[in-house]
Amino acid sequence: MDAPLNPPARIQPFSVTSISTRSTQKRIDAFMSEFQARTTAGQGINTAVTVQLQNLRDALHEEHERRKK
């Protein structure tokens, strides 16, 4: 018999602070660099997470460019 599946943990924010898309891009880039360094040293890159973060970064870049115009 298979073990029961556990749903992912829900993250509930306690507060919200707005930051610019430019600042968000920088934070995502820093996180991606650290994440890739950790996963490469451990067991290999988790491409699903990396691709999703790159998609988010690209979308934020597009939004930033639209707002500048």
C-alpha atoms as a PDB file:
ATOM      1  CA  MET A   1       0.000   0.000   0.000  1.00  0.00           C
ATOM      2  CA  ASP A   2       1.297   3.468  -0.870  1.00  0.00           C
ATOM      3  CA  ALA A   3       1.932   6.029   1.819  1.00  0.00           C
ATOM      4  CA  PRO A   4      -0.676   8.805   1.998  1.00  0.00           C
ATOM      5  CA  LEU A   5       0.226  11.974   0.144  1.00  0.00           C
ATOM      6  CA  ASN A   6       0.839  15.093   2.177  1.00  0.00           C
ATOM      7  CA  PRO A   7      -0.193  18.418   0.674  1.00  0.00           C
ATOM      8  CA  PRO A   8       2.424  21.173   0.548  1.00  0.00           C
ATOM      9  CA  ALA A   9       2.656  23.504   3.513  1.00  0.00           C
ATOM     10  CA  ARG A  10       0.615  26.691   3.326  1.00  0.00           C
ATOM     11  CA  ILE A  11       2.502  29.898   3.838  1.00  0.00           C
ATOM     12  CA  GLN A  12       0.546  32.649   5.526  1.00  0.00           C
ATOM     13  CA  PRO A  13       2.133  36.123   5.458  1.00  0.00           C
ATOM     14  CA  PHE A  14       2.049  38.147   8.660  1.00  0.00           C
ATOM     15  CA  SER A  15       2.625  41.451   6.932  1.00  0.00           C
ATOM     16  CA  VAL A  16       3.092  42.872   3.452  1.00  0.00           C
ATOM     17  CA  THR A  17       5.699  45.358   2.299  1.00  0.00           C
ATOM     18  CA  SER A  18       5.686  46.662  -1.263  1.00  0.00           C
ATOM     19  CA  ILE A  19       8.977  46.744  -3.135  1.00  0.00           C
ATOM     20  CA  SER A  20       9.798  47.816  -6.671  1.00  0.00           C
ATOM     21  CA  THR A  21      10.029  45.346  -9.527  1.00  0.00           C
ATOM     22  CA  ARG A  22      13.706  46.274  -9.912  1.00  0.00           C
ATOM     23  CA  SER A  23      14.406  45.386  -6.272  1.00  0.00           C
ATOM     24  CA  THR A  24      12.428  42.161  -6.663  1.00  0.00           C
ATOM     25  CA  GLN A  25      14.483  41.197  -9.718  1.00  0.00           C
ATOM     26  CA  LYS A  26      17.711  41.736  -7.783  1.00  0.00           C
ATOM     27  CA  ARG A  27      16.473  39.612  -4.889  1.00  0.00           C
ATOM     28  CA  ILE A  28      15.392  36.800  -7.220  1.00  0.00           C
ATOM     29  CA  ASP A  29      18.763  36.893  -9.005  1.00  0.00           C
ATOM     30  CA  ALA A  30      20.598  36.689  -5.670  1.00  0.00           C
ATOM     31  CA  PHE A  31      18.382  33.821  -4.506  1.00  0.00           C
ATOM     32  CA  MET A  32      18.857  31.936  -7.795  1.00  0.00           C
ATOM     33  CA  SER A  33      22.644  32.232  -7.518  1.00  0.00           C
ATOM     34  CA  GLU A  34      22.606  30.922  -3.956  1.00  0.00           C
ATOM     35  CA  PHE A  35      20.076  28.208  -4.800  1.00  0.00           C
ATOM     36  CA  GLN A  36      22.109  26.972  -7.773  1.00  0.00           C
ATOM     37  CA  ALA A  37      25.291  26.945  -5.686  1.00  0.00           C
ATOM     38  CA  ARG A  38      23.605  24.878  -2.956  1.00  0.00           C
ATOM     39  CA  THR A  39      21.916  22.390  -5.283  1.00  0.00           C
ATOM     40  CA  THR A  40      24.948  21.949  -7.544  1.00  0.00           C
ATOM     41  CA  ALA A  41      27.114  21.133  -4.534  1.00  0.00           C
ATOM     42  CA  GLY A  42      24.500  18.722  -3.170  1.00  0.00           C
ATOM     43  CA  GLN A  43      22.833  16.672  -5.847  1.00  0.00           C
ATOM     44  CA  GLY A  44      22.320  18.650  -9.006  1.00  0.00           C
ATOM     45  CA  ILE A  45      20.155  21.554 -10.033  1.00  0.00           C
ATOM     46  CA  ASN A  46      16.391  21.298  -9.592  1.00  0.00           C
ATOM     47  CA  THR A  47      15.498  22.631 -13.029  1.00  0.00           C
ATOM     48  CA  ALA A  48      11.777  22.978 -12.303  1.00  0.00           C
ATOM     49  CA  VAL A  49      12.417  25.518  -9.550  1.00  0.00           C
ATOM     50  CA  THR A  50      15.100  27.318 -11.547  1.00  0.00           C
ATOM     51  CA  VAL A  51      12.874  27.619 -14.634  1.00  0.00           C
ATOM     52  CA  GLN A  52       9.956  28.977 -12.613  1.00  0.00           C
ATOM     53  CA  LEU A  53      12.188  31.570 -10.955  1.00  0.00           C
ATOM     54  CA  GLN A  54      13.592  32.608 -14.330  1.00  0.00           C
ATOM     55  CA  ASN A  55      10.047  32.967 -15.685  1.00  0.00           C
ATOM     56  CA  LEU A  56       9.149  35.156 -12.715  1.00  0.00           C
ATOM     57  CA  ARG A  57      12.278  37.261 -13.186  1.00  0.00           C
ATOM     58  CA  ASP A  58      11.514  37.707 -16.908  1.00  0.00           C
ATOM     59  CA  ALA A  59       7.911  38.700 -16.197  1.00  0.00           C
ATOM     60  CA  LEU A  60       9.063  41.259 -13.633  1.00  0.00           C
ATOM     61  CA  HIS A  61      11.554  42.651 -16.138  1.00  0.00           C
ATOM     62  CA  GLU A  62       8.792  43.050 -18.735  1.00  0.00           C
ATOM     63  CA  GLU A  63       6.558  44.761 -16.186  1.00  0.00           C
ATOM     64  CA  HIS A  64       9.395  47.101 -15.202  1.00  0.00           C
ATOM     65  CA  GLU A  65       9.993  48.023 -18.854  1.00  0.00           C
ATOM     66  CA  ARG A  66       6.270  48.716 -19.430  1.00  0.00           C
ATOM     67  CA  ARG A  67       6.121  51.016 -16.414  1.00  0.00           C
ATOM     68  CA  LYS A  68       9.149  52.982 -17.579  1.00  0.00           C
ATOM     69  CA  LYS A  69       7.413  53.960 -20.839  1.00  0.00           C
END
